[in-house]
């Protein structure tokens, strides 16, 4: 069984928010995902878990970020293979 693949790229930041473009490749397995983000690599904040998907999906997620800040983000995807 193959696990899901994910990728994320940061889009343009607005005055009080940021957009993160997320692509999830679930390899035909029911895969749910969420984004963890914060001002350092301990993250500290996360989005709600997605509904499970079995087809590739790309989504733009708005994050409540302060202007002129530096942020870390990661996509966490889970399915029956891990």
Protein backbone atom coordinates (compact mmCIF):
# COMPACT_ATOMS: atom_id res chain seq x y z
CA UNK A 1 0.00 0.00 0.00
CA UNK A 2 1.30 3.46 -0.86
CA UNK A 3 0.72 6.43 1.40
CA UNK A 4 -0.56 9.78 0.17
CA UNK A 5 1.70 12.47 -1.23
CA UNK A 6 1.29 16.13 -0.34
CA UNK A 7 2.81 19.40 -1.39
CA UNK A 8 2.21 22.96 -0.34
CA UNK A 9 3.22 26.34 -1.64
CA UNK A 10 2.63 29.72 -0.07
CA UNK A 11 0.63 32.18 -2.15
CA UNK A 12 0.69 35.95 -1.83
CA UNK A 13 0.17 37.30 1.68
CA UNK A 14 -2.56 39.85 2.28
CA UNK A 15 -2.75 42.57 4.90
CA UNK A 16 -4.00 40.29 7.68
CA UNK A 17 -4.12 36.86 6.13
CA UNK A 18 -2.16 34.45 4.01
CA UNK A 19 -3.14 31.86 1.47
CA UNK A 20 -1.61 28.42 1.31
CA UNK A 21 -2.13 26.30 -1.79
CA UNK A 22 -2.24 22.62 -0.86
CA UNK A 23 -2.14 19.63 -3.22
CA UNK A 24 -2.94 16.15 -1.90
CA UNK A 25 -2.36 13.02 -4.00
CA UNK A 26 -4.17 10.24 -2.13
CA UNK A 27 -3.17 7.34 -4.41
CA UNK A 28 -6.82 6.11 -4.54
CA UNK A 29 -7.02 5.71 -0.75
CA UNK A 30 -9.41 7.66 1.49
CA UNK A 31 -7.09 10.40 2.74
CA UNK A 32 -7.84 13.27 5.10
CA UNK A 33 -5.51 16.20 5.73
CA UNK A 34 -5.01 19.40 7.67
CA UNK A 35 -2.44 22.20 7.80
CA UNK A 36 -0.32 22.95 10.85
CA UNK A 37 1.15 26.47 11.01
CA UNK A 38 2.79 28.94 13.37
CA UNK A 39 5.63 31.37 13.88
CA UNK A 40 8.17 28.59 14.52
CA UNK A 41 8.59 24.88 13.82
CA UNK A 42 6.50 23.88 16.82
CA UNK A 43 3.57 25.24 14.73
CA UNK A 44 0.89 25.55 17.44
CA UNK A 45 -2.14 26.17 15.17
CA UNK A 46 -3.96 23.90 12.76
CA UNK A 47 -6.86 23.95 10.35
CA UNK A 48 -9.84 21.63 10.61
CA UNK A 49 -9.40 18.11 9.25
CA UNK A 50 -10.69 17.71 5.69
CA UNK A 51 -13.28 15.20 4.63
CA UNK A 52 -11.59 12.08 3.18
CA UNK A 53 -10.71 12.31 -0.53
CA UNK A 54 -9.67 9.55 -2.94
CA UNK A 55 -8.87 11.70 -5.99
CA UNK A 56 -6.11 14.33 -6.20
CA UNK A 57 -7.22 17.68 -4.81
CA UNK A 58 -5.76 21.20 -4.80
CA UNK A 59 -7.18 23.68 -2.32
CA UNK A 60 -6.31 27.23 -1.35
CA UNK A 61 -6.61 27.70 2.40
CA UNK A 62 -6.79 31.16 3.97
CA UNK A 63 -4.80 31.38 7.19
CA UNK A 64 -5.20 34.18 9.79
CA UNK A 65 -1.64 35.50 9.67
CA UNK A 66 -0.32 38.83 10.90
CA UNK A 67 1.31 41.07 8.28
CA UNK A 68 5.11 41.23 8.06
CA UNK A 69 5.59 37.97 9.94
CA UNK A 70 7.48 34.79 9.17
CA UNK A 71 5.57 31.53 9.38
CA UNK A 72 6.12 27.80 9.12
CA UNK A 73 3.46 25.49 7.67
CA UNK A 74 3.14 21.83 6.85
CA UNK A 75 0.43 19.59 5.40
CA UNK A 76 -0.37 16.47 7.43
CA UNK A 77 -2.19 13.75 5.45
CA UNK A 78 -3.35 10.40 6.82
CA UNK A 79 -4.87 7.32 5.22
CA UNK A 80 -5.00 3.56 5.99
CA UNK A 81 -1.35 3.18 4.88
CA UNK A 82 -0.20 5.82 7.34
